[in-house]
Amino acid sequence: MHSLLKGLRVVDLSTIVLGPYATQFLGDFGADVIKVEAQGGDVFRAVRPGRTEDLGAGFLNFNRNKRSLAVDLKQPQGREILHKLVAQADVLVHNMRGKSAQDLGADFATLKMINPKLVYCAAPGFASVGPDAQSPAYDDIIQARSGLAALNADADGAPQFVRTIACDKVVGLHLALAVVSGVVQQQRTGEGCNIEVPMLESMAAFVMAEHLAGHTLQPVEGELGYDRLMSKHRKPYKTQNGYIAIMPYNSKHWQRFFTLVGREDLAEAAWVTDSVQRSQHIDELYKLLADIAPSRSSEEWLARLAELDIPCSPINNLGDLAQDPQLQASNWLQAHKDDVRGEYQSLKSPFLVHSDLAAEDDVPAPQLSEHCNAILSELGYAQEQIQSLVQSKVVVGS
């Protein structure tokens, strides 16, 4: 855990993946992230496998460096706790629909009255200005609606979901950026702000940034879709004994590649050396790669291409990642052991902060309401008051 955001307090009402992914980054940089959960906990806690009911493996990988407090926000005393948290906070994050936030006393208009300096960042499924503002949305829904599933169609043209929680994580990065931007404005001006990061609109822009292509120009010049990415020959290439990725990109790469394989005629051809002409012939070039790749083994290709500084890579499966030498050098998987979780490994934050700022060990994802006593005490509740709140089921005790 780094210390760049040390002293920043974030009230995190988000659930599942999108919001927790964003706030985990904030925690990685040292923010005090208080995860406010329903009494049953974030439903992602239940995703198996897991050794305890409230600490599934998926939850562990999205909620490090946070504290947890489970509160019933439907009760007036629960909303009072939330409002006390907000009064002392810099940021509030959630990924609820607007009406749901309003019903829980967590809408911007309410919280701004409590803390005018609050940076309020919400990531609903759909922007509040559209007809679907109050519609539910999950990753698969946004993959479908943003065009991502169709873009990932199989060989028969059937749309396919990407096998990662792509939309939640991409929009989670947008959300983290929105929070930090809001904090910069807060610290410059002393004023809060309300930033909306809708999933569909964020993902549609993410997908179309390159695929708007010829429709960028008006009148239209060309089709939708970035030609290089739409080529049916852009794929892992079959070698004598497996598959690898080969990606000559600039003129020098292509010239070196064709020289390597004895095609000096292509190495000097204008449609290869000229970047505009090459862009117009990219499908043909990728077909040449597919035709030539089976002539050598994966190992020989990787060695020779690396010597020539031509981008290339083995095709790792999920099981290969732990043995990847670059990832091993980054210490990306860290081993742990404690009384609650037993022996386990966690993903290390990918950021490297090259400075003299002190860093601390990451804190594992919390048990449900693990920090109830500590957080309520910080808010000024006496021990007997905390016990009363637990007994009346306003909060879940530690």
Protein backbone atom coordinates (compact mmCIF):
# COMPACT_ATOMS: atom_id res chain seq x y z
CA MET A 1 0.00 0.00 0.00
CA HIS A 2 1.41 3.35 -1.08
CA SER A 3 0.88 6.64 0.73
CA LEU A 4 0.03 9.10 -2.06
CA LEU A 5 -3.61 9.34 -0.93
CA LYS A 6 -2.94 8.97 2.78
CA GLY A 7 -5.39 11.10 4.75
CA LEU A 8 -8.14 10.83 2.11
CA ARG A 9 -11.31 9.23 3.50
CA VAL A 10 -13.63 7.44 1.08
CA VAL A 11 -17.11 6.17 1.97
CA ASP A 12 -17.70 3.26 -0.38
CA LEU A 13 -21.32 2.14 -0.87
CA SER A 14 -20.51 0.16 -4.01
CA THR A 15 -21.00 -3.57 -4.55
CA ILE A 16 -20.06 -6.48 -6.81
CA VAL A 17 -17.06 -5.50 -9.01
CA LEU A 18 -17.30 -2.07 -10.65
CA GLY A 19 -17.19 0.15 -7.56
CA PRO A 20 -15.04 -2.16 -5.43
CA TYR A 21 -12.45 -2.37 -8.22
CA ALA A 22 -12.26 1.43 -8.35
CA THR A 23 -12.04 1.92 -4.59
CA GLN A 24 -9.46 -0.84 -4.24
CA PHE A 25 -7.12 1.31 -6.34
CA LEU A 26 -7.79 4.23 -4.00
CA GLY A 27 -6.94 1.98 -1.06
CA ASP A 28 -3.80 0.81 -2.83
CA PHE A 29 -2.63 4.42 -2.86
CA GLY A 30 -3.30 4.84 0.85
CA ALA A 31 -6.85 6.21 1.08
CA ASP A 32 -8.93 5.14 4.08
CA VAL A 33 -11.71 3.30 2.27
CA ILE A 34 -14.70 2.49 4.49
CA LYS A 35 -16.82 -0.14 2.79
CA VAL A 36 -20.41 0.40 3.96
CA GLU A 37 -22.37 -2.78 3.30
CA ALA A 38 -25.90 -4.04 3.77
CA GLN A 39 -26.30 -6.34 6.75
CA GLY A 40 -26.11 -9.36 4.48
CA GLY A 41 -22.90 -8.02 3.01
CA ASP A 42 -21.80 -7.33 -0.54
CA VAL A 43 -23.31 -10.21 -2.56
CA PHE A 44 -19.92 -10.82 -4.17
CA ARG A 45 -18.77 -12.20 -0.83
CA ALA A 46 -20.73 -15.35 -1.68
CA VAL A 47 -18.91 -16.13 -4.94
CA ARG A 48 -17.16 -19.45 -4.46
CA PRO A 49 -14.68 -20.93 -3.80
CA GLY A 50 -14.13 -19.64 -0.30
CA ARG A 51 -13.29 -20.93 3.17
CA THR A 52 -15.79 -18.72 4.98
CA GLU A 53 -19.24 -17.51 3.96
CA ASP A 54 -18.18 -13.87 3.86
CA LEU A 55 -14.77 -14.20 2.18
CA GLY A 56 -15.11 -15.80 -1.22
CA ALA A 57 -12.06 -15.81 -3.47
CA GLY A 58 -13.55 -13.24 -5.84
CA PHE A 59 -14.28 -10.82 -3.02
CA LEU A 60 -10.71 -11.10 -1.75
CA ASN A 61 -9.35 -9.90 -5.08
CA PHE A 62 -11.50 -6.74 -5.26
CA ASN A 63 -11.51 -5.45 -1.70
CA ARG A 64 -8.02 -5.28 -0.26
CA ASN A 65 -6.98 -2.18 1.70
CA LYS A 66 -10.49 -1.41 2.97
CA ARG A 67 -12.41 -1.40 6.24
CA SER A 68 -15.93 -2.82 6.52
CA LEU A 69 -19.05 -1.65 8.36
CA ALA A 70 -22.42 -3.32 7.78
CA VAL A 71 -25.36 -0.94 8.32
CA ASP A 72 -29.10 -1.08 7.67
CA LEU A 73 -29.58 2.17 5.76
CA LYS A 74 -33.34 1.62 5.69
CA GLN A 75 -33.47 2.45 9.39
CA PRO A 76 -33.19 6.09 10.49
CA GLN A 77 -30.31 5.24 12.84
CA GLY A 78 -28.49 3.58 9.95
CA ARG A 79 -28.85 6.65 7.76
CA GLU A 80 -27.63 8.76 10.70
CA ILE A 81 -24.45 6.67 10.78
CA LEU A 82 -23.98 7.15 7.03
CA HIS A 83 -24.45 10.89 7.37
CA LYS A 84 -21.90 11.08 10.18
CA LEU A 85 -19.45 9.19 7.99
CA VAL A 86 -20.09 11.58 5.12
CA ALA A 87 -19.57 14.60 7.39
CA GLN A 88 -15.99 13.41 7.99
CA ALA A 89 -15.32 12.08 4.48
CA ASP A 90 -13.73 13.50 1.36
CA VAL A 91 -15.38 11.17 -1.14
CA LEU A 92 -18.47 9.00 -1.49
CA VAL A 93 -18.69 6.32 -4.19
CA HIS A 94 -21.58 4.09 -5.23
CA ASN A 95 -22.87 2.16 -8.24
CA MET A 96 -26.59 2.25 -7.45
CA ARG A 97 -29.39 3.59 -9.57
CA GLY A 98 -30.28 7.16 -8.68
CA LYS A 99 -33.64 6.26 -7.13
CA SER A 100 -32.04 3.59 -4.93
CA ALA A 101 -29.49 6.09 -3.63
CA GLN A 102 -32.26 8.58 -2.90
CA ASP A 103 -34.30 5.99 -1.00
CA LEU A 104 -31.30 5.31 1.26
CA GLY A 105 -30.51 8.98 1.93
CA ALA A 106 -27.37 8.67 -0.18
CA ASP A 107 -28.25 11.03 -3.02
CA PHE A 108 -26.05 14.02 -3.79
CA ALA A 109 -28.62 16.66 -2.84
CA THR A 110 -28.95 15.18 0.65
CA LEU A 111 -25.25 14.59 1.25
CA LYS A 112 -24.18 17.97 -0.10
CA MET A 113 -26.18 19.59 2.70
CA ILE A 114 -24.13 17.58 5.20
CA ASN A 115 -20.72 18.10 3.55
CA PRO A 116 -20.47 20.79 0.84
CA LYS A 117 -16.90 19.70 0.08
CA LEU A 118 -17.91 16.12 -0.71
CA VAL A 119 -16.70 14.56 -3.97
CA TYR A 120 -19.68 12.42 -4.96
CA CYS A 121 -19.03 9.82 -7.68
CA ALA A 122 -21.72 7.44 -8.91
CA ALA A 123 -21.50 4.73 -11.57
CA PRO A 124 -25.04 3.70 -12.56
CA GLY A 125 -25.75 1.41 -15.50
CA PHE A 126 -27.15 4.21 -17.65
CA ALA A 127 -26.78 7.98 -17.61
CA SER A 128 -29.43 9.91 -15.71
CA VAL A 129 -30.38 11.88 -18.84
CA GLY A 130 -31.67 8.83 -20.76
CA PRO A 131 -34.85 6.72 -20.77
CA ASP A 132 -33.08 3.77 -19.11
CA ALA A 133 -31.70 5.76 -16.17
CA GLN A 134 -33.48 3.56 -13.63
CA SER A 135 -32.89 0.23 -15.40
CA PRO A 136 -30.70 -2.48 -13.84
CA ALA A 137 -27.35 -3.25 -15.41
CA TYR A 138 -24.64 -5.84 -14.89
CA ASP A 139 -21.51 -6.63 -16.84
CA ASP A 140 -23.17 -9.02 -19.32
CA ILE A 141 -25.92 -6.51 -20.04
CA ILE A 142 -23.42 -3.78 -20.84
CA GLN A 143 -21.21 -6.13 -22.88
CA ALA A 144 -24.31 -6.84 -24.97
CA ARG A 145 -25.55 -3.29 -25.31
CA SER A 146 -22.20 -1.55 -25.85
CA GLY A 147 -21.35 -3.68 -28.88
CA LEU A 148 -18.60 -5.62 -27.13
CA ALA A 149 -20.33 -9.02 -27.35
CA ALA A 150 -21.05 -8.59 -31.06
CA LEU A 151 -17.48 -7.44 -31.67
CA ASN A 152 -16.30 -10.63 -29.98
CA ALA A 153 -18.42 -12.89 -32.20
CA ASP A 154 -17.24 -16.45 -32.87
CA ALA A 155 -16.39 -17.88 -36.29
CA ASP A 156 -20.08 -18.44 -37.02
CA GLY A 157 -20.98 -14.85 -36.19
CA ALA A 158 -22.66 -15.62 -32.88
CA PRO A 159 -22.02 -12.88 -30.28
CA GLN A 160 -19.86 -13.95 -27.34
CA PHE A 161 -19.24 -12.44 -23.94
CA VAL A 162 -15.60 -11.67 -23.18
CA ARG A 163 -14.45 -14.10 -20.49
CA THR A 164 -13.55 -11.45 -17.99
CA ILE A 165 -15.69 -8.92 -16.14
CA ALA A 166 -14.64 -6.41 -18.76
CA CYS A 167 -17.25 -3.67 -18.43
CA ASP A 168 -17.20 -3.52 -14.64
CA LYS A 169 -13.42 -3.28 -14.60
CA VAL A 170 -13.08 -0.80 -17.47
CA VAL A 171 -15.76 1.47 -15.99
CA GLY A 172 -14.16 0.93 -12.57
CA LEU A 173 -11.00 2.53 -13.95
CA HIS A 174 -13.11 5.42 -15.26
CA LEU A 175 -14.64 5.75 -11.80
CA ALA A 176 -11.28 5.80 -10.03
CA LEU A 177 -10.08 8.53 -12.41
CA ALA A 178 -13.26 10.52 -11.75
CA VAL A 179 -12.68 10.31 -7.99
CA VAL A 180 -9.09 11.52 -8.22
CA SER A 181 -10.10 14.34 -10.58
CA GLY A 182 -12.82 15.41 -8.16
CA VAL A 183 -10.36 15.36 -5.27
CA VAL A 184 -7.94 17.60 -7.19
CA GLN A 185 -10.74 20.11 -7.77
CA GLN A 186 -11.79 19.82 -4.11
CA GLN A 187 -8.30 20.55 -2.85
CA ARG A 188 -7.79 23.45 -5.26
CA THR A 189 -11.11 25.19 -4.62
CA GLY A 190 -12.48 23.77 -1.37
CA GLU A 191 -15.66 22.81 -3.21
CA GLY A 192 -17.28 19.45 -3.77
CA CYS A 193 -18.67 18.06 -7.01
CA ASN A 194 -21.02 15.43 -8.40
CA ILE A 195 -19.54 13.17 -11.10
CA GLU A 196 -21.57 10.51 -12.89
CA VAL A 197 -19.77 7.62 -14.62
CA PRO A 198 -22.48 5.63 -16.44
CA MET A 199 -21.56 2.14 -17.60
CA LEU A 200 -23.17 2.09 -21.04
CA GLU A 201 -21.94 5.50 -22.09
CA SER A 202 -18.42 4.77 -20.81
CA MET A 203 -18.21 1.40 -22.56
CA ALA A 204 -19.75 2.63 -25.81
CA ALA A 205 -17.06 5.32 -25.97
CA PHE A 206 -14.39 2.79 -24.98
CA VAL A 207 -15.40 0.39 -27.76
CA MET A 208 -15.97 3.02 -30.42
CA ALA A 209 -12.86 5.14 -29.85
CA GLU A 210 -11.14 3.26 -32.68
CA HIS A 211 -14.17 1.60 -34.29
CA LEU A 212 -15.97 4.83 -35.19
CA ALA A 213 -13.33 4.82 -37.94
CA GLY A 214 -14.72 6.10 -41.27
CA HIS A 215 -17.88 7.34 -39.56
CA THR A 216 -15.73 9.87 -37.72
CA LEU A 217 -15.69 11.84 -40.95
CA GLN A 218 -18.80 13.54 -42.25
CA PRO A 219 -19.92 12.73 -44.84
CA VAL A 220 -18.88 9.16 -44.07
CA GLU A 221 -15.66 7.86 -45.62
CA GLY A 222 -15.48 4.14 -45.00
CA GLU A 223 -17.16 1.64 -42.72
CA LEU A 224 -17.44 1.33 -38.98
CA GLY A 225 -14.61 -0.74 -37.53
CA TYR A 226 -10.85 -0.32 -37.32
CA ASP A 227 -9.55 -2.38 -40.25
CA ARG A 228 -6.56 -3.81 -38.42
CA LEU A 229 -8.74 -5.20 -35.65
CA MET A 230 -11.47 -6.42 -37.98
CA SER A 231 -9.12 -8.54 -40.09
CA LYS A 232 -10.05 -12.22 -39.93
CA HIS A 233 -6.32 -12.98 -40.13
CA ARG A 234 -5.51 -11.03 -36.95
CA LYS A 235 -5.19 -13.88 -34.47
CA PRO A 236 -2.67 -16.02 -32.62
CA TYR A 237 -0.63 -17.66 -35.37
CA LYS A 238 -0.19 -21.41 -35.63
CA THR A 239 3.44 -22.50 -35.66
CA GLN A 240 4.99 -25.95 -36.11
CA ASN A 241 4.20 -26.86 -32.52
CA GLY A 242 1.71 -24.38 -31.08
CA TYR A 243 0.57 -20.78 -31.28
CA ILE A 244 2.23 -17.42 -30.69
CA ALA A 245 1.40 -13.74 -31.15
CA ILE A 246 3.41 -11.88 -33.78
CA MET A 247 2.78 -8.20 -34.28
CA PRO A 248 5.01 -6.27 -36.64
CA TYR A 249 3.61 -2.76 -36.30
CA ASN A 250 5.79 -0.09 -37.88
CA SER A 251 7.75 -0.10 -41.13
CA LYS A 252 10.98 -1.32 -39.54
CA HIS A 253 9.20 -4.26 -37.93
CA TRP A 254 7.70 -5.40 -41.22
CA GLN A 255 10.98 -4.94 -43.12
CA ARG A 256 12.89 -6.95 -40.53
CA PHE A 257 10.25 -9.67 -40.55
CA PHE A 258 10.21 -10.11 -44.32
CA THR A 259 14.01 -10.02 -44.44
CA LEU A 260 14.09 -12.73 -41.76
CA VAL A 261 11.86 -15.02 -43.83
CA GLY A 262 13.68 -14.37 -47.10
CA ARG A 263 11.07 -12.09 -48.67
CA GLU A 264 13.28 -9.10 -49.48
CA ASP A 265 10.88 -8.24 -52.30
CA LEU A 266 8.18 -7.52 -49.70
CA ALA A 267 10.62 -5.82 -47.35
CA GLU A 268 11.15 -3.11 -49.96
CA ALA A 269 7.62 -2.95 -51.38
CA ALA A 270 5.97 0.45 -51.07
CA TRP A 271 2.73 -1.03 -49.72
CA VAL A 272 4.78 -2.44 -46.82
CA THR A 273 7.12 0.46 -46.11
CA ASP A 274 4.59 3.27 -46.49
CA SER A 275 2.39 3.50 -43.40
CA VAL A 276 -0.73 4.72 -45.24
CA GLN A 277 -0.52 2.00 -47.91
CA ARG A 278 0.26 -0.61 -45.24
CA SER A 279 -2.88 0.37 -43.35
CA GLN A 280 -4.89 -0.22 -46.52
CA HIS A 281 -3.33 -3.69 -46.99
CA ILE A 282 -3.27 -4.84 -43.38
CA ASP A 283 -5.54 -7.85 -43.93
CA GLU A 284 -3.23 -9.09 -46.69
CA LEU A 285 -0.21 -8.66 -44.45
CA TYR A 286 -1.82 -10.58 -41.61
CA LYS A 287 -2.65 -13.40 -44.02
CA LEU A 288 1.04 -13.57 -44.95
CA LEU A 289 1.89 -13.92 -41.26
CA ALA A 290 -0.61 -16.76 -40.93
CA ASP A 291 0.84 -18.51 -44.00
CA ILE A 292 4.47 -18.13 -42.91
CA ALA A 293 4.17 -18.91 -39.17
CA PRO A 294 3.87 -22.73 -39.55
CA SER A 295 7.36 -22.84 -41.09
CA ARG A 296 9.10 -22.68 -37.69
CA SER A 297 8.59 -23.72 -34.10
CA SER A 298 7.21 -21.34 -31.50
CA GLU A 299 10.55 -21.33 -29.68
CA GLU A 300 12.52 -20.45 -32.81
CA TRP A 301 10.09 -17.68 -33.75
CA LEU A 302 10.15 -16.12 -30.30
CA ALA A 303 13.97 -16.18 -30.14
CA ARG A 304 14.52 -14.71 -33.61
CA LEU A 305 11.77 -12.10 -33.37
CA ALA A 306 13.05 -10.96 -29.97
CA GLU A 307 16.54 -10.56 -31.43
CA LEU A 308 15.08 -8.28 -34.10
CA ASP A 309 12.96 -6.34 -31.58
CA ILE A 310 9.74 -7.36 -33.35
CA PRO A 311 6.83 -7.54 -30.88
CA CYS A 312 5.92 -11.15 -30.12
CA SER A 313 4.65 -13.28 -27.26
CA PRO A 314 3.84 -16.82 -26.25
CA ILE A 315 0.13 -17.55 -25.75
CA ASN A 316 -0.25 -17.93 -22.00
CA ASN A 317 -3.23 -19.72 -20.55
CA LEU A 318 -4.41 -18.82 -17.05
CA GLY A 319 -2.19 -21.48 -15.51
CA ASP A 320 0.90 -20.15 -17.27
CA LEU A 321 0.72 -16.70 -15.69
CA ALA A 322 2.21 -17.77 -12.37
CA GLN A 323 5.35 -18.95 -14.21
CA ASP A 324 5.70 -15.90 -16.45
CA PRO A 325 9.19 -14.53 -15.67
CA GLN A 326 8.16 -10.89 -15.99
CA LEU A 327 5.23 -11.36 -13.60
CA GLN A 328 7.40 -13.34 -11.20
CA ALA A 329 9.94 -10.52 -11.14
CA SER A 330 7.10 -8.12 -10.32
CA ASN A 331 6.08 -10.29 -7.36
CA TRP A 332 2.50 -10.08 -8.64
CA LEU A 333 1.27 -13.03 -6.55
CA GLN A 334 1.94 -12.78 -2.82
CA ALA A 335 1.61 -15.60 -0.31
CA HIS A 336 -0.21 -15.10 3.01
CA LYS A 337 -1.43 -17.03 6.00
CA ASP A 338 -3.76 -15.97 8.79
CA ASP A 339 -6.22 -17.55 11.21
CA VAL A 340 -9.34 -16.51 9.26
CA ARG A 341 -8.34 -17.09 5.64
CA GLY A 342 -5.77 -19.83 6.16
CA GLU A 343 -3.08 -20.02 3.49
CA TYR A 344 -3.88 -17.99 0.39
CA GLN A 345 -2.31 -15.78 -2.25
CA SER A 346 -3.30 -12.32 -3.34
CA LEU A 347 -2.74 -10.15 -6.37
CA LYS A 348 -0.29 -7.36 -5.71
CA SER A 349 -1.23 -3.83 -6.68
CA PRO A 350 0.43 -3.26 -10.10
CA PHE A 351 1.64 0.26 -9.33
CA LEU A 352 5.29 0.98 -8.66
CA VAL A 353 5.87 4.29 -6.90
CA HIS A 354 9.52 5.28 -7.32
CA SER A 355 9.97 7.72 -4.47
CA ASP A 356 11.03 7.93 -0.85
CA LEU A 357 7.42 7.89 0.35
CA ALA A 358 6.85 5.19 2.93
CA ALA A 359 4.84 2.14 1.84
CA GLU A 360 2.98 -0.35 4.00
CA ASP A 361 1.88 -3.94 3.52
CA ASP A 362 -1.47 -4.42 1.81
CA VAL A 363 -4.37 -5.23 4.12
CA PRO A 364 -6.51 -8.23 3.11
CA ALA A 365 -10.17 -7.83 2.20
CA PRO A 366 -12.16 -7.43 5.43
CA GLN A 367 -14.63 -9.76 7.01
CA LEU A 368 -18.19 -8.46 7.07
CA SER A 369 -18.36 -5.48 9.46
CA GLU A 370 -14.91 -6.35 10.78
CA HIS A 371 -14.25 -2.72 11.70
CA CYS A 372 -17.64 -1.86 13.19
CA ASN A 373 -16.37 -0.91 16.65
CA ALA A 374 -13.41 1.08 15.38
CA ILE A 375 -15.39 3.08 12.82
CA LEU A 376 -18.30 3.87 15.11
CA SER A 377 -15.91 4.88 17.87
CA GLU A 378 -14.24 7.29 15.45
CA LEU A 379 -17.68 8.79 14.82
CA GLY A 380 -18.12 9.43 18.54
CA TYR A 381 -20.34 6.52 19.54
CA ALA A 382 -19.76 5.18 23.03
CA GLN A 383 -19.39 1.45 23.55
CA GLU A 384 -22.85 1.09 25.06
CA GLN A 385 -24.36 2.93 22.08
CA ILE A 386 -22.57 0.60 19.70
CA GLN A 387 -23.87 -2.40 21.59
CA SER A 388 -27.39 -0.99 21.39
CA LEU A 389 -27.08 -0.50 17.64
CA VAL A 390 -25.93 -4.11 17.28
CA GLN A 391 -28.79 -5.43 19.41
CA SER A 392 -31.37 -3.43 17.45
CA LYS A 393 -29.85 -4.75 14.20
CA VAL A 394 -28.93 -1.35 12.87
CA VAL A 395 -25.34 -2.57 12.43
CA VAL A 396 -23.59 -5.89 12.40
CA GLY A 397 -21.12 -6.15 15.28
CA SER A 398 -17.45 -6.91 14.88
